[in-house]
């Protein structure tokens, strides 16, 4: 496993659903209910499970507002903030017509044709590194059932990230609209 996914202390129902959707589309991720856990507790959970990153979803007015990416610093068992995605909106899997629930997804892939869209938004590399997304041409993939495509699209000044199952070419994850990315250190 690579990523621990959790929320702020008292998440709304919508944020909990968003976390479940993220857990389904990120291979080898572990979702933890935050409760009263501190950052040190989250770092210990991540270290005990051999995880390198922690994603914390924060909310405003019961809607996910930001995804903060932390790296796990092993020597002191602390979290180091790497990047923050400011969101302008999310669309949950259940809100998307003709979507499907992803099954047995082993890898995320980004088509090299979409790299120019991603490069226009600086700092997104930390998020994609935490997701362990590979850059690979879609037409070269043999076992399409194991892969999910991360499809970026520029929309009204925001970046929209969609998750598409390659076997059926249907959306099978939340649609995330990123307003801006802030990198630290």
N, C-alpha and C. Protein backbone atom coordinates (compact mmCIF):
# COMPACT_ATOMS: atom_id res chain seq x y z
N UNK A 1 0.84 -1.19 0.00
CA UNK A 1 0.00 0.00 0.00
C UNK A 1 0.88 1.25 0.00
N UNK A 2 0.33 2.32 -0.52
CA UNK A 2 1.12 3.53 -0.66
C UNK A 2 0.47 4.73 0.01
N UNK A 3 -0.86 4.83 -0.01
CA UNK A 3 -1.54 6.05 0.41
C UNK A 3 -2.55 5.76 1.52
N UNK A 4 -2.53 6.63 2.54
CA UNK A 4 -3.55 6.62 3.58
C UNK A 4 -4.50 7.77 3.27
N UNK A 5 -5.80 7.49 3.22
CA UNK A 5 -6.80 8.52 2.92
C UNK A 5 -7.65 8.73 4.15
N UNK A 6 -7.79 9.99 4.56
CA UNK A 6 -8.62 10.30 5.71
C UNK A 6 -9.21 11.70 5.53
N UNK A 7 -9.94 12.15 6.55
CA UNK A 7 -10.65 13.43 6.44
C UNK A 7 -10.33 14.31 7.63
N UNK A 8 -10.99 15.44 7.69
CA UNK A 8 -10.92 16.28 8.87
C UNK A 8 -11.65 15.55 10.00
N UNK A 9 -11.69 16.15 11.18
CA UNK A 9 -12.20 15.42 12.36
C UNK A 9 -13.67 15.02 12.27
N UNK A 10 -14.54 15.89 11.80
CA UNK A 10 -15.97 15.55 11.76
C UNK A 10 -16.48 15.74 10.34
N UNK A 11 -16.26 14.76 9.46
CA UNK A 11 -16.64 14.93 8.06
C UNK A 11 -18.16 14.81 7.86
N UNK A 12 -18.63 15.49 6.84
CA UNK A 12 -20.04 15.39 6.46
C UNK A 12 -20.26 14.09 5.69
N UNK A 13 -21.50 13.78 5.43
CA UNK A 13 -21.84 12.57 4.69
C UNK A 13 -21.25 12.62 3.27
N UNK A 14 -21.29 13.81 2.67
CA UNK A 14 -20.76 13.97 1.31
C UNK A 14 -19.24 13.75 1.27
N UNK A 15 -18.54 14.26 2.26
CA UNK A 15 -17.09 14.07 2.32
C UNK A 15 -16.75 12.60 2.56
N UNK A 16 -17.52 11.92 3.40
CA UNK A 16 -17.28 10.49 3.61
C UNK A 16 -17.49 9.70 2.33
N UNK A 17 -18.51 10.06 1.56
CA UNK A 17 -18.73 9.40 0.26
C UNK A 17 -17.59 9.68 -0.70
N UNK A 18 -17.08 10.92 -0.69
CA UNK A 18 -15.95 11.27 -1.54
C UNK A 18 -14.72 10.45 -1.16
N UNK A 19 -14.49 10.26 0.13
CA UNK A 19 -13.36 9.43 0.58
C UNK A 19 -13.51 7.99 0.11
N UNK A 20 -14.72 7.45 0.17
CA UNK A 20 -14.95 6.09 -0.30
C UNK A 20 -14.70 5.97 -1.79
N UNK A 21 -15.14 6.99 -2.55
CA UNK A 21 -14.89 6.99 -3.99
C UNK A 21 -13.39 7.06 -4.29
N UNK A 22 -12.67 7.92 -3.56
CA UNK A 22 -11.21 8.00 -3.75
C UNK A 22 -10.53 6.68 -3.42
N UNK A 23 -10.99 6.04 -2.37
CA UNK A 23 -10.41 4.76 -1.96
C UNK A 23 -10.61 3.70 -3.04
N UNK A 24 -11.74 3.76 -3.75
CA UNK A 24 -12.00 2.79 -4.82
C UNK A 24 -11.11 3.01 -6.03
N UNK A 25 -10.77 4.26 -6.34
CA UNK A 25 -10.02 4.52 -7.57
C UNK A 25 -8.51 4.56 -7.36
N UNK A 26 -8.04 4.74 -6.13
CA UNK A 26 -6.60 4.75 -5.88
C UNK A 26 -6.18 3.34 -5.49
N UNK A 27 -5.41 2.67 -6.34
CA UNK A 27 -4.99 1.30 -6.01
C UNK A 27 -4.12 1.27 -4.76
N UNK A 28 -4.28 0.23 -3.98
CA UNK A 28 -3.47 0.01 -2.77
C UNK A 28 -3.56 1.17 -1.79
N UNK A 29 -4.74 1.71 -1.61
CA UNK A 29 -4.92 2.79 -0.63
C UNK A 29 -5.66 2.25 0.58
N UNK A 30 -5.47 2.93 1.70
CA UNK A 30 -6.11 2.56 2.95
C UNK A 30 -6.90 3.76 3.45
N UNK A 31 -8.19 3.55 3.68
CA UNK A 31 -9.04 4.63 4.18
C UNK A 31 -9.22 4.44 5.69
N UNK A 32 -9.02 5.52 6.43
CA UNK A 32 -9.13 5.47 7.89
C UNK A 32 -10.12 6.55 8.33
N UNK A 33 -11.03 6.16 9.21
CA UNK A 33 -11.91 7.16 9.82
C UNK A 33 -11.08 7.96 10.81
N UNK A 34 -11.08 9.27 10.68
CA UNK A 34 -10.18 10.12 11.46
C UNK A 34 -10.55 10.15 12.93
N UNK A 35 -11.81 10.42 13.24
CA UNK A 35 -12.20 10.50 14.64
C UNK A 35 -11.40 11.53 15.39
N UNK A 36 -10.75 11.13 16.49
CA UNK A 36 -9.95 12.06 17.29
C UNK A 36 -8.45 11.88 17.05
N UNK A 37 -8.10 11.24 15.97
CA UNK A 37 -6.69 10.98 15.69
C UNK A 37 -5.95 12.27 15.35
N UNK A 38 -4.76 12.43 15.91
CA UNK A 38 -3.91 13.58 15.62
C UNK A 38 -3.02 13.27 14.43
N UNK A 39 -2.23 14.25 14.00
CA UNK A 39 -1.28 14.02 12.91
C UNK A 39 -0.26 12.96 13.30
N UNK A 40 0.17 12.95 14.55
CA UNK A 40 1.12 11.94 15.00
C UNK A 40 0.51 10.54 14.93
N UNK A 41 -0.77 10.42 15.30
CA UNK A 41 -1.45 9.13 15.20
C UNK A 41 -1.53 8.66 13.75
N UNK A 42 -1.84 9.60 12.84
CA UNK A 42 -1.92 9.26 11.42
C UNK A 42 -0.55 8.83 10.89
N UNK A 43 0.50 9.50 11.35
CA UNK A 43 1.86 9.14 10.93
C UNK A 43 2.21 7.73 11.40
N UNK A 44 1.83 7.39 12.63
CA UNK A 44 2.11 6.04 13.14
C UNK A 44 1.32 4.98 12.37
N UNK A 45 0.06 5.27 12.05
CA UNK A 45 -0.74 4.32 11.26
C UNK A 45 -0.10 4.12 9.90
N UNK A 46 0.34 5.22 9.28
CA UNK A 46 0.98 5.13 7.97
C UNK A 46 2.27 4.32 8.04
N UNK A 47 3.09 4.57 9.06
CA UNK A 47 4.35 3.83 9.20
C UNK A 47 4.11 2.35 9.47
N UNK A 48 3.13 2.04 10.31
CA UNK A 48 2.83 0.64 10.62
C UNK A 48 2.35 -0.13 9.40
N UNK A 49 1.71 0.56 8.46
CA UNK A 49 1.21 -0.09 7.25
C UNK A 49 2.14 0.08 6.05
N UNK A 50 3.30 0.70 6.27
CA UNK A 50 4.27 0.88 5.20
C UNK A 50 3.84 1.86 4.13
N UNK A 51 3.10 2.89 4.52
CA UNK A 51 2.59 3.88 3.57
C UNK A 51 3.53 5.07 3.48
N UNK A 52 3.61 5.68 2.29
CA UNK A 52 4.50 6.81 2.08
C UNK A 52 3.79 8.15 2.11
N UNK A 53 2.49 8.15 1.84
CA UNK A 53 1.75 9.41 1.74
C UNK A 53 0.46 9.33 2.54
N UNK A 54 0.00 10.51 2.98
CA UNK A 54 -1.29 10.66 3.65
C UNK A 54 -2.05 11.77 2.92
N UNK A 55 -3.27 11.47 2.49
CA UNK A 55 -4.14 12.46 1.87
C UNK A 55 -5.23 12.81 2.88
N UNK A 56 -5.34 14.09 3.21
CA UNK A 56 -6.38 14.55 4.14
C UNK A 56 -7.32 15.46 3.38
N UNK A 57 -8.60 15.11 3.39
CA UNK A 57 -9.63 15.89 2.70
C UNK A 57 -10.29 16.79 3.73
N UNK A 58 -10.24 18.11 3.49
CA UNK A 58 -10.89 19.09 4.36
C UNK A 58 -12.14 19.60 3.67
N UNK A 59 -13.05 20.16 4.43
CA UNK A 59 -14.33 20.59 3.86
C UNK A 59 -14.75 21.95 4.38
N UNK A 60 -15.63 22.59 3.63
CA UNK A 60 -16.30 23.81 4.03
C UNK A 60 -17.75 23.67 3.59
N UNK A 61 -18.67 23.98 4.47
CA UNK A 61 -20.10 23.86 4.19
C UNK A 61 -20.47 22.48 3.67
N UNK A 62 -19.93 21.46 4.27
CA UNK A 62 -20.21 20.05 3.99
C UNK A 62 -19.76 19.60 2.61
N UNK A 63 -18.91 20.38 1.93
CA UNK A 63 -18.36 19.99 0.63
C UNK A 63 -16.84 19.92 0.71
N UNK A 64 -16.22 18.92 0.08
CA UNK A 64 -14.76 18.85 0.08
C UNK A 64 -14.16 20.11 -0.55
N UNK A 65 -13.23 20.75 0.15
CA UNK A 65 -12.64 22.00 -0.32
C UNK A 65 -11.18 21.82 -0.73
N UNK A 66 -10.46 20.96 -0.02
CA UNK A 66 -9.05 20.78 -0.35
C UNK A 66 -8.60 19.36 -0.02
N UNK A 67 -7.59 18.95 -0.79
CA UNK A 67 -6.91 17.69 -0.53
C UNK A 67 -5.46 18.06 -0.22
N UNK A 68 -5.03 17.78 1.00
CA UNK A 68 -3.66 18.08 1.41
C UNK A 68 -2.86 16.79 1.38
N UNK A 69 -1.70 16.84 0.74
CA UNK A 69 -0.84 15.67 0.58
C UNK A 69 0.33 15.80 1.54
N UNK A 70 0.49 14.81 2.39
CA UNK A 70 1.59 14.77 3.36
C UNK A 70 2.48 13.59 3.04
N UNK A 71 3.78 13.79 3.19
CA UNK A 71 4.73 12.69 3.12
C UNK A 71 5.00 12.21 4.53
N UNK A 72 5.28 10.93 4.68
CA UNK A 72 5.55 10.37 6.00
C UNK A 72 7.06 10.39 6.23
N UNK A 73 7.49 11.12 7.25
CA UNK A 73 8.90 11.25 7.60
C UNK A 73 9.21 10.17 8.62
N UNK A 74 9.94 9.15 8.20
CA UNK A 74 10.11 7.94 9.00
C UNK A 74 10.94 8.13 10.26
N UNK A 75 11.99 8.97 10.22
CA UNK A 75 12.89 9.09 11.36
C UNK A 75 12.16 9.61 12.60
N UNK A 76 11.30 10.60 12.44
CA UNK A 76 10.62 11.18 13.59
C UNK A 76 9.14 10.82 13.64
N UNK A 77 8.70 9.96 12.75
CA UNK A 77 7.29 9.58 12.59
C UNK A 77 6.38 10.81 12.59
N UNK A 78 6.66 11.70 11.65
CA UNK A 78 5.87 12.91 11.49
C UNK A 78 5.41 13.03 10.05
N UNK A 79 4.39 13.87 9.86
CA UNK A 79 3.89 14.16 8.52
C UNK A 79 4.48 15.48 8.05
N UNK A 80 4.93 15.52 6.80
CA UNK A 80 5.48 16.72 6.19
C UNK A 80 4.56 17.12 5.04
N UNK A 81 4.04 18.35 5.10
CA UNK A 81 3.11 18.80 4.07
C UNK A 81 3.86 19.03 2.76
N UNK A 82 3.39 18.39 1.69
CA UNK A 82 4.04 18.48 0.38
C UNK A 82 3.27 19.38 -0.58
N UNK A 83 1.96 19.21 -0.65
CA UNK A 83 1.16 19.98 -1.60
C UNK A 83 -0.28 20.03 -1.12
N UNK A 84 -1.01 20.97 -1.70
CA UNK A 84 -2.42 21.13 -1.37
C UNK A 84 -3.19 21.43 -2.65
N UNK A 85 -4.23 20.67 -2.88
CA UNK A 85 -5.10 20.90 -4.03
C UNK A 85 -6.33 21.65 -3.54
N UNK A 86 -6.53 22.85 -4.03
CA UNK A 86 -7.75 23.61 -3.71
C UNK A 86 -8.80 23.21 -4.73
N UNK A 87 -9.92 22.74 -4.26
CA UNK A 87 -10.96 22.23 -5.14
C UNK A 87 -12.05 23.27 -5.34
N UNK A 88 -12.60 23.29 -6.53
CA UNK A 88 -13.76 24.15 -6.77
C UNK A 88 -15.03 23.31 -6.80
N UNK A 89 -14.90 22.01 -6.75
CA UNK A 89 -16.06 21.14 -6.70
C UNK A 89 -15.69 19.70 -6.96
N UNK A 90 -16.55 18.81 -6.51
CA UNK A 90 -16.41 17.38 -6.80
C UNK A 90 -17.78 16.84 -7.20
N UNK A 91 -17.75 15.83 -8.03
CA UNK A 91 -18.98 15.12 -8.38
C UNK A 91 -18.75 13.68 -7.96
N UNK A 92 -19.60 13.20 -7.08
CA UNK A 92 -19.44 11.85 -6.55
C UNK A 92 -19.85 10.82 -7.59
N UNK A 93 -19.40 9.60 -7.39
CA UNK A 93 -19.70 8.52 -8.32
C UNK A 93 -21.20 8.28 -8.44
N UNK A 94 -21.91 8.38 -7.34
CA UNK A 94 -23.35 8.14 -7.37
C UNK A 94 -24.12 9.25 -8.09
N UNK A 95 -23.50 10.41 -8.26
CA UNK A 95 -24.15 11.54 -8.92
C UNK A 95 -23.93 11.56 -10.43
N UNK A 96 -23.10 10.67 -10.93
CA UNK A 96 -22.76 10.64 -12.35
C UNK A 96 -23.62 9.58 -13.03
N UNK A 97 -24.46 9.98 -13.99
CA UNK A 97 -25.27 8.97 -14.68
C UNK A 97 -24.38 8.08 -15.56
N UNK A 98 -24.77 6.83 -15.69
CA UNK A 98 -24.07 5.84 -16.52
C UNK A 98 -22.63 5.63 -16.06
N UNK A 99 -22.39 5.72 -14.77
CA UNK A 99 -21.06 5.42 -14.24
C UNK A 99 -21.07 4.00 -13.69
N UNK A 100 -19.91 3.50 -13.34
CA UNK A 100 -19.82 2.16 -12.79
C UNK A 100 -18.87 2.15 -11.61
N UNK A 101 -19.02 1.15 -10.77
CA UNK A 101 -18.13 0.99 -9.63
C UNK A 101 -16.88 0.25 -10.10
N UNK A 102 -15.69 0.78 -9.82
CA UNK A 102 -14.47 0.12 -10.29
C UNK A 102 -14.18 -1.15 -9.52
N UNK A 103 -13.74 -2.18 -10.23
CA UNK A 103 -13.39 -3.45 -9.62
C UNK A 103 -12.00 -3.88 -10.09
N UNK A 104 -11.19 -4.34 -9.17
CA UNK A 104 -9.87 -4.90 -9.46
C UNK A 104 -8.96 -3.96 -10.25
N UNK A 105 -8.97 -2.69 -9.90
CA UNK A 105 -8.08 -1.74 -10.54
C UNK A 105 -6.70 -1.88 -9.88
N UNK A 106 -5.69 -2.13 -10.70
CA UNK A 106 -4.35 -2.32 -10.16
C UNK A 106 -3.43 -1.14 -10.42
N UNK A 107 -3.71 -0.36 -11.47
CA UNK A 107 -2.83 0.76 -11.81
C UNK A 107 -3.63 1.91 -12.39
N UNK A 108 -3.15 3.12 -12.09
CA UNK A 108 -3.67 4.32 -12.73
C UNK A 108 -2.72 4.71 -13.84
N UNK A 109 -3.26 5.19 -14.94
CA UNK A 109 -2.44 5.54 -16.08
C UNK A 109 -2.88 6.90 -16.62
N UNK A 110 -1.90 7.64 -17.13
CA UNK A 110 -2.15 8.93 -17.78
C UNK A 110 -1.62 8.81 -19.20
N UNK A 111 -2.44 9.17 -20.16
CA UNK A 111 -2.02 9.15 -21.56
C UNK A 111 -1.04 10.29 -21.81
N UNK A 112 0.08 10.03 -22.50
CA UNK A 112 1.04 11.11 -22.78
C UNK A 112 0.44 12.29 -23.55
N UNK A 113 -0.66 12.05 -24.28
CA UNK A 113 -1.32 13.14 -25.00
C UNK A 113 -1.89 14.19 -24.05
N UNK A 114 -2.19 13.78 -22.81
CA UNK A 114 -2.79 14.68 -21.83
C UNK A 114 -1.77 15.41 -20.98
N UNK A 115 -0.49 15.17 -21.19
CA UNK A 115 0.54 15.79 -20.35
C UNK A 115 0.59 17.30 -20.50
N UNK A 116 0.28 17.83 -21.69
CA UNK A 116 0.32 19.29 -21.86
C UNK A 116 -0.74 19.97 -21.00
N UNK A 117 -1.88 19.33 -20.79
CA UNK A 117 -2.92 19.88 -19.91
C UNK A 117 -2.44 19.87 -18.46
N UNK A 118 -1.78 18.79 -18.05
CA UNK A 118 -1.29 18.69 -16.67
C UNK A 118 -0.15 19.65 -16.41
N UNK A 119 0.70 19.89 -17.40
CA UNK A 119 1.84 20.78 -17.20
C UNK A 119 1.42 22.23 -17.03
N UNK A 120 0.22 22.59 -17.48
CA UNK A 120 -0.26 23.97 -17.30
C UNK A 120 -0.60 24.26 -15.85
N UNK A 121 -0.84 23.21 -15.07
CA UNK A 121 -1.13 23.36 -13.64
C UNK A 121 0.08 22.84 -12.89
N UNK A 122 0.90 23.73 -12.37
CA UNK A 122 2.11 23.33 -11.66
C UNK A 122 1.81 22.71 -10.31
N UNK A 123 2.65 21.79 -9.88
CA UNK A 123 2.52 21.20 -8.56
C UNK A 123 1.65 19.97 -8.49
N UNK A 124 1.02 19.60 -9.58
CA UNK A 124 0.14 18.43 -9.56
C UNK A 124 0.94 17.13 -9.53
N UNK A 125 2.25 17.21 -9.75
CA UNK A 125 3.09 16.02 -9.78
C UNK A 125 3.12 15.30 -8.43
N UNK A 126 3.04 16.04 -7.32
CA UNK A 126 3.04 15.40 -5.99
C UNK A 126 1.78 14.55 -5.80
N UNK A 127 0.65 15.07 -6.28
CA UNK A 127 -0.61 14.33 -6.18
C UNK A 127 -0.54 13.07 -7.04
N UNK A 128 -0.06 13.20 -8.25
CA UNK A 128 0.03 12.04 -9.15
C UNK A 128 1.07 11.03 -8.66
N UNK A 129 2.12 11.53 -8.01
CA UNK A 129 3.12 10.62 -7.42
C UNK A 129 2.50 9.85 -6.26
N UNK A 130 1.67 10.52 -5.46
CA UNK A 130 0.99 9.84 -4.36
C UNK A 130 0.02 8.79 -4.89
N UNK A 131 -0.59 9.06 -6.04
CA UNK A 131 -1.50 8.10 -6.65
C UNK A 131 -0.77 6.98 -7.38
N UNK A 132 0.54 7.17 -7.61
CA UNK A 132 1.38 6.24 -8.37
C UNK A 132 0.84 6.04 -9.78
N UNK A 133 0.49 7.14 -10.43
CA UNK A 133 -0.01 7.08 -11.80
C UNK A 133 1.15 6.94 -12.78
N UNK A 134 1.00 6.03 -13.72
CA UNK A 134 2.02 5.81 -14.75
C UNK A 134 1.67 6.63 -15.98
N UNK A 135 2.69 7.06 -16.70
CA UNK A 135 2.48 7.72 -17.98
C UNK A 135 2.71 6.66 -19.06
N UNK A 136 1.63 6.32 -19.77
CA UNK A 136 1.69 5.22 -20.71
C UNK A 136 0.63 5.44 -21.79
N UNK A 137 0.95 5.20 -23.05
CA UNK A 137 -0.09 5.33 -24.09
C UNK A 137 -1.20 4.31 -23.87
N UNK A 138 -2.44 4.76 -23.97
CA UNK A 138 -3.58 3.90 -23.69
C UNK A 138 -3.67 2.76 -24.70
N UNK A 139 -3.34 3.02 -25.95
CA UNK A 139 -3.46 1.98 -26.97
C UNK A 139 -2.38 0.89 -26.85
N UNK A 140 -1.38 1.08 -25.98
CA UNK A 140 -0.35 0.05 -25.79
C UNK A 140 -0.67 -0.88 -24.62
N UNK A 141 -1.76 -0.63 -23.91
CA UNK A 141 -2.11 -1.45 -22.74
C UNK A 141 -2.84 -2.71 -23.22
N UNK A 142 -2.37 -3.87 -22.75
CA UNK A 142 -2.94 -5.15 -23.18
C UNK A 142 -4.11 -5.55 -22.29
N UNK A 143 -3.89 -5.63 -20.99
CA UNK A 143 -4.96 -6.04 -20.07
C UNK A 143 -5.67 -4.79 -19.55
N UNK A 144 -6.63 -4.30 -20.33
CA UNK A 144 -7.27 -3.02 -20.01
C UNK A 144 -8.11 -3.08 -18.74
N UNK A 145 -8.53 -4.27 -18.32
CA UNK A 145 -9.35 -4.39 -17.12
C UNK A 145 -8.62 -4.02 -15.84
N UNK A 146 -7.29 -4.06 -15.87
CA UNK A 146 -6.50 -3.75 -14.69
C UNK A 146 -6.19 -2.27 -14.54
N UNK A 147 -6.46 -1.49 -15.57
CA UNK A 147 -6.03 -0.09 -15.59
C UNK A 147 -7.21 0.87 -15.53
N UNK A 148 -6.94 2.02 -14.94
CA UNK A 148 -7.89 3.12 -14.93
C UNK A 148 -7.18 4.36 -15.45
N UNK A 149 -7.85 5.07 -16.34
CA UNK A 149 -7.28 6.25 -16.97
C UNK A 149 -7.63 7.49 -16.15
N UNK A 150 -6.62 8.29 -15.82
CA UNK A 150 -6.84 9.60 -15.20
C UNK A 150 -6.86 10.60 -16.34
N UNK A 151 -8.02 11.19 -16.59
CA UNK A 151 -8.21 12.06 -17.75
C UNK A 151 -8.33 13.51 -17.28
N UNK A 152 -7.30 14.34 -17.54
CA UNK A 152 -7.39 15.76 -17.19
C UNK A 152 -8.03 16.56 -18.33
N UNK A 153 -8.76 17.60 -17.93
CA UNK A 153 -9.38 18.47 -18.92
C UNK A 153 -9.42 19.88 -18.35
N UNK A 154 -9.03 20.86 -19.15
CA UNK A 154 -9.07 22.26 -18.73
C UNK A 154 -10.50 22.76 -18.92
N UNK A 155 -11.07 23.38 -17.88
CA UNK A 155 -12.47 23.78 -17.92
C UNK A 155 -12.66 25.05 -17.12
N UNK A 156 -12.95 26.16 -17.78
CA UNK A 156 -13.22 27.45 -17.13
C UNK A 156 -12.12 27.86 -16.16
N UNK A 157 -10.89 27.67 -16.51
CA UNK A 157 -9.78 28.05 -15.64
C UNK A 157 -9.43 27.00 -14.60
N UNK A 158 -10.26 25.98 -14.44
CA UNK A 158 -10.00 24.89 -13.51
C UNK A 158 -9.50 23.67 -14.27
N UNK A 159 -8.94 22.74 -13.53
CA UNK A 159 -8.53 21.47 -14.11
C UNK A 159 -9.49 20.41 -13.59
N UNK A 160 -10.09 19.67 -14.50
CA UNK A 160 -11.03 18.62 -14.12
C UNK A 160 -10.36 17.27 -14.30
N UNK A 161 -10.32 16.48 -13.23
CA UNK A 161 -9.74 15.14 -13.27
C UNK A 161 -10.86 14.11 -13.22
N UNK A 162 -10.92 13.26 -14.25
CA UNK A 162 -11.91 12.18 -14.31
C UNK A 162 -11.17 10.85 -14.25
N UNK A 163 -11.83 9.86 -13.71
CA UNK A 163 -11.28 8.51 -13.63
C UNK A 163 -12.14 7.61 -14.52
N UNK A 164 -11.52 6.99 -15.53
CA UNK A 164 -12.25 6.21 -16.53
C UNK A 164 -11.69 4.79 -16.56
N UNK A 165 -12.58 3.80 -16.42
CA UNK A 165 -12.17 2.40 -16.53
C UNK A 165 -11.89 2.09 -18.00
N UNK A 166 -10.73 1.55 -18.29
CA UNK A 166 -10.35 1.30 -19.68
C UNK A 166 -11.10 0.13 -20.30
N UNK A 167 -11.57 -0.80 -19.48
CA UNK A 167 -12.31 -1.94 -20.02
C UNK A 167 -13.63 -1.55 -20.64
N UNK A 168 -14.34 -0.62 -20.01
CA UNK A 168 -15.66 -0.21 -20.49
C UNK A 168 -15.71 1.22 -21.00
N UNK A 169 -14.64 1.99 -20.74
CA UNK A 169 -14.57 3.42 -21.09
C UNK A 169 -15.70 4.22 -20.44
N UNK A 170 -16.12 3.80 -19.25
CA UNK A 170 -17.12 4.54 -18.47
C UNK A 170 -16.42 5.21 -17.29
N UNK A 171 -17.01 6.30 -16.84
CA UNK A 171 -16.48 6.97 -15.65
C UNK A 171 -16.71 6.06 -14.45
N UNK A 172 -15.67 5.84 -13.67
CA UNK A 172 -15.81 4.95 -12.52
C UNK A 172 -15.12 5.52 -11.29
N UNK A 173 -15.17 6.83 -11.16
CA UNK A 173 -14.61 7.49 -9.99
C UNK A 173 -15.15 8.89 -9.90
N UNK A 174 -14.81 9.59 -8.84
CA UNK A 174 -15.31 10.96 -8.71
C UNK A 174 -14.67 11.88 -9.74
N UNK A 175 -15.38 12.94 -10.08
CA UNK A 175 -14.81 13.98 -10.94
C UNK A 175 -14.37 15.10 -10.01
N UNK A 176 -13.09 15.44 -10.07
CA UNK A 176 -12.49 16.42 -9.16
C UNK A 176 -12.13 17.66 -9.96
N UNK A 177 -12.66 18.81 -9.54
CA UNK A 177 -12.29 20.08 -10.18
C UNK A 177 -11.30 20.80 -9.29
N UNK A 178 -10.08 20.98 -9.81
CA UNK A 178 -8.99 21.60 -9.06
C UNK A 178 -8.88 23.06 -9.48
N UNK A 179 -9.01 23.96 -8.51
CA UNK A 179 -8.88 25.39 -8.80
C UNK A 179 -7.42 25.79 -8.88
N UNK A 180 -6.63 25.35 -7.89
CA UNK A 180 -5.19 25.63 -7.92
C UNK A 180 -4.46 24.65 -7.03
N UNK A 181 -3.15 24.59 -7.24
CA UNK A 181 -2.29 23.69 -6.48
C UNK A 181 -1.22 24.52 -5.79
N UNK A 182 -1.03 24.27 -4.50
CA UNK A 182 -0.01 24.96 -3.72
C UNK A 182 1.02 23.90 -3.30
N UNK A 183 2.30 24.17 -3.58
CA UNK A 183 3.35 23.23 -3.17
C UNK A 183 4.12 23.83 -2.00
N UNK A 184 4.63 22.95 -1.15
CA UNK A 184 5.39 23.36 0.03
C UNK A 184 6.76 22.70 -0.02
N UNK A 185 7.75 23.41 0.48
CA UNK A 185 9.11 22.89 0.62
C UNK A 185 9.62 22.31 -0.62
